[in-house]
C-alpha atoms as a PDB file:
ATOM      1  CA  UNK A   1     -13.710-108.903  39.589  1.00  0.00           C
ATOM      2  CA  UNK A   2     -12.834-105.430  40.288  1.00  0.00           C
ATOM      3  CA  UNK A   3     -11.935-102.857  37.641  1.00  0.00           C
ATOM      4  CA  UNK A   4      -9.943-100.871  40.111  1.00  0.00           C
ATOM      5  CA  UNK A   5      -6.348-101.941  40.571  1.00  0.00           C
ATOM      6  CA  UNK A   6      -5.116-102.196  44.170  1.00  0.00           C
ATOM      7  CA  UNK A   7      -2.006-100.524  45.266  1.00  0.00           C
ATOM      8  CA  UNK A   8      -0.051-103.756  45.290  1.00  0.00           C
ATOM      9  CA  UNK A   9      -0.628-104.247  41.498  1.00  0.00           C
ATOM     10  CA  UNK A  10       0.239-100.512  40.892  1.00  0.00           C
ATOM     11  CA  UNK A  11       3.462-100.708  42.880  1.00  0.00           C
ATOM     12  CA  UNK A  12       4.482-103.954  41.127  1.00  0.00           C
ATOM     13  CA  UNK A  13       3.880-102.346  37.731  1.00  0.00           C
ATOM     14  CA  UNK A  14       5.997 -99.326  38.652  1.00  0.00           C
ATOM     15  CA  UNK A  15       8.772-101.638  39.923  1.00  0.00           C
ATOM     16  CA  UNK A  16       8.756-103.662  36.732  1.00  0.00           C
ATOM     17  CA  UNK A  17       8.753-100.354  34.625  1.00  0.00           C
ATOM     18  CA  UNK A  18      11.823 -99.102  36.585  1.00  0.00           C
ATOM     19  CA  UNK A  19      13.599-102.480  35.986  1.00  0.00           C
ATOM     20  CA  UNK A  20      12.760-102.373  32.232  1.00  0.00           C
ATOM     21  CA  UNK A  21      14.055 -98.859  31.896  1.00  0.00           C
ATOM     22  CA  UNK A  22      17.307 -99.620  33.812  1.00  0.00           C
ATOM     23  CA  UNK A  23      17.847-102.694  31.609  1.00  0.00           C
ATOM     24  CA  UNK A  24      17.306-100.635  28.447  1.00  0.00           C
ATOM     25  CA  UNK A  25      19.640 -97.870  29.723  1.00  0.00           C
ATOM     26  CA  UNK A  26      22.453-100.375  30.498  1.00  0.00           C
ATOM     27  CA  UNK A  27      22.100-101.964  27.091  1.00  0.00           C
ATOM     28  CA  UNK A  28      22.135 -98.628  25.256  1.00  0.00           C
ATOM     29  CA  UNK A  29      25.452 -97.960  27.088  1.00  0.00           C
ATOM     30  CA  UNK A  30      26.784-101.375  26.025  1.00  0.00           C
ATOM     31  CA  UNK A  31      26.653-102.496  29.739  1.00  0.00           C
ATOM     32  CA  UNK A  32      25.427-105.814  31.096  1.00  0.00           C
ATOM     33  CA  UNK A  33      22.321-106.028  33.245  1.00  0.00           C
ATOM     34  CA  UNK A  34      22.903-107.734  36.561  1.00  0.00           C
ATOM     35  CA  UNK A  35      20.256-110.248  37.630  1.00  0.00           C
ATOM     36  CA  UNK A  36      20.193-111.592  41.208  1.00  0.00           C
ATOM     37  CA  UNK A  37      18.498-114.895  41.706  1.00  0.00           C
ATOM     38  CA  UNK A  38      17.800-117.218  44.634  1.00  0.00           C
ATOM     39  CA  UNK A  39      18.096-120.038  42.089  1.00  0.00           C
ATOM     40  CA  UNK A  40      21.901-119.624  41.943  1.00  0.00           C
ATOM     41  CA  UNK A  41      24.398-120.568  44.715  1.00  0.00           C
ATOM     42  CA  UNK A  42      25.578-117.813  46.970  1.00  0.00           C
ATOM     43  CA  UNK A  43      28.013-115.447  45.418  1.00  0.00           C
ATOM     44  CA  UNK A  44      26.794-115.986  41.874  1.00  0.00           C
ATOM     45  CA  UNK A  45      24.727-113.708  39.653  1.00  0.00           C
ATOM     46  CA  UNK A  46      23.406-113.572  36.039  1.00  0.00           C
ATOM     47  CA  UNK A  47      24.814-110.920  33.636  1.00  0.00           C
ATOM     48  CA  UNK A  48      22.517-110.340  30.678  1.00  0.00           C
ATOM     49  CA  UNK A  49      24.031-108.553  27.554  1.00  0.00           C
ATOM     50  CA  UNK A  50      22.279-106.639  24.820  1.00  0.00           C
ATOM     51  CA  UNK A  51      23.068-109.390  22.275  1.00  0.00           C
ATOM     52  CA  UNK A  52      20.992-111.854  24.282  1.00  0.00           C
ATOM     53  CA  UNK A  53      23.881-113.669  26.024  1.00  0.00           C
ATOM     54  CA  UNK A  54      23.395-114.532  29.656  1.00  0.00           C
ATOM     55  CA  UNK A  55      26.433-115.500  31.763  1.00  0.00           C
ATOM     56  CA  UNK A  56      26.856-116.614  35.305  1.00  0.00           C
ATOM     57  CA  UNK A  57      29.477-114.666  37.207  1.00  0.00           C
ATOM     58  CA  UNK A  58      31.111-115.465  40.552  1.00  0.00           C
ATOM     59  CA  UNK A  59      31.086-112.388  42.820  1.00  0.00           C
ATOM     60  CA  UNK A  60      33.829-112.099  45.436  1.00  0.00           C
ATOM     61  CA  UNK A  61      34.668-109.334  47.787  1.00  0.00           C
ATOM     62  CA  UNK A  62      38.102-107.869  48.129  1.00  0.00           C
ATOM     63  CA  UNK A  63      39.239-105.486  50.829  1.00  0.00           C
ATOM     64  CA  UNK A  64      37.627-104.171  53.911  1.00  0.00           C
ATOM     65  CA  UNK A  65      34.150-104.900  54.888  1.00  0.00           C
ATOM     66  CA  UNK A  66      31.759-102.139  55.620  1.00  0.00           C
ATOM     67  CA  UNK A  67      29.089-102.125  58.268  1.00  0.00           C
END
């Protein structure tokens, strides 16, 4: 077992730290945190709220598509 972390572990820790900070920032502004998941059907996302609620929301696009 190596005591030196490889760059993959370090990058993953940085990524998780950014997500935790963004989640906390949203909650402090009374905004939900959007969670994308491959476990949900297409067009659906989870929205997590500061009070612990998690809701599934259907996403639909309106208007012009951009490419």
